[in-house]
């Protein structure tokens, strides 16, 4: 039992989590203001139906190689009143 608890704590402390990847299409990118518009499918973890939405990024470097019209997969989280894209990739 102690080993099971230790393993659970190790996984939590290492940042491993079940991250939901959402699918969408990039509509606009505003690198200067660190934001992009994505027309996305339902994002269950954010209780959000399909729609076009403005998301922010904390570091505009993750937008390198991403262009309007690209089909993407991304993870997002709510931070205060903003929705932040944490990861983005082309499938």
Foldseek 3Di string as FASTA:
>chain_A
DVVVVVVVVVCVVVPDDDFDKWKWFWAADDLVQQKTWTQTADDVVVRRHGGIDIAGEPHSVLCVPPDGGAIKIFTWDDDPPGIYTDHIDGD
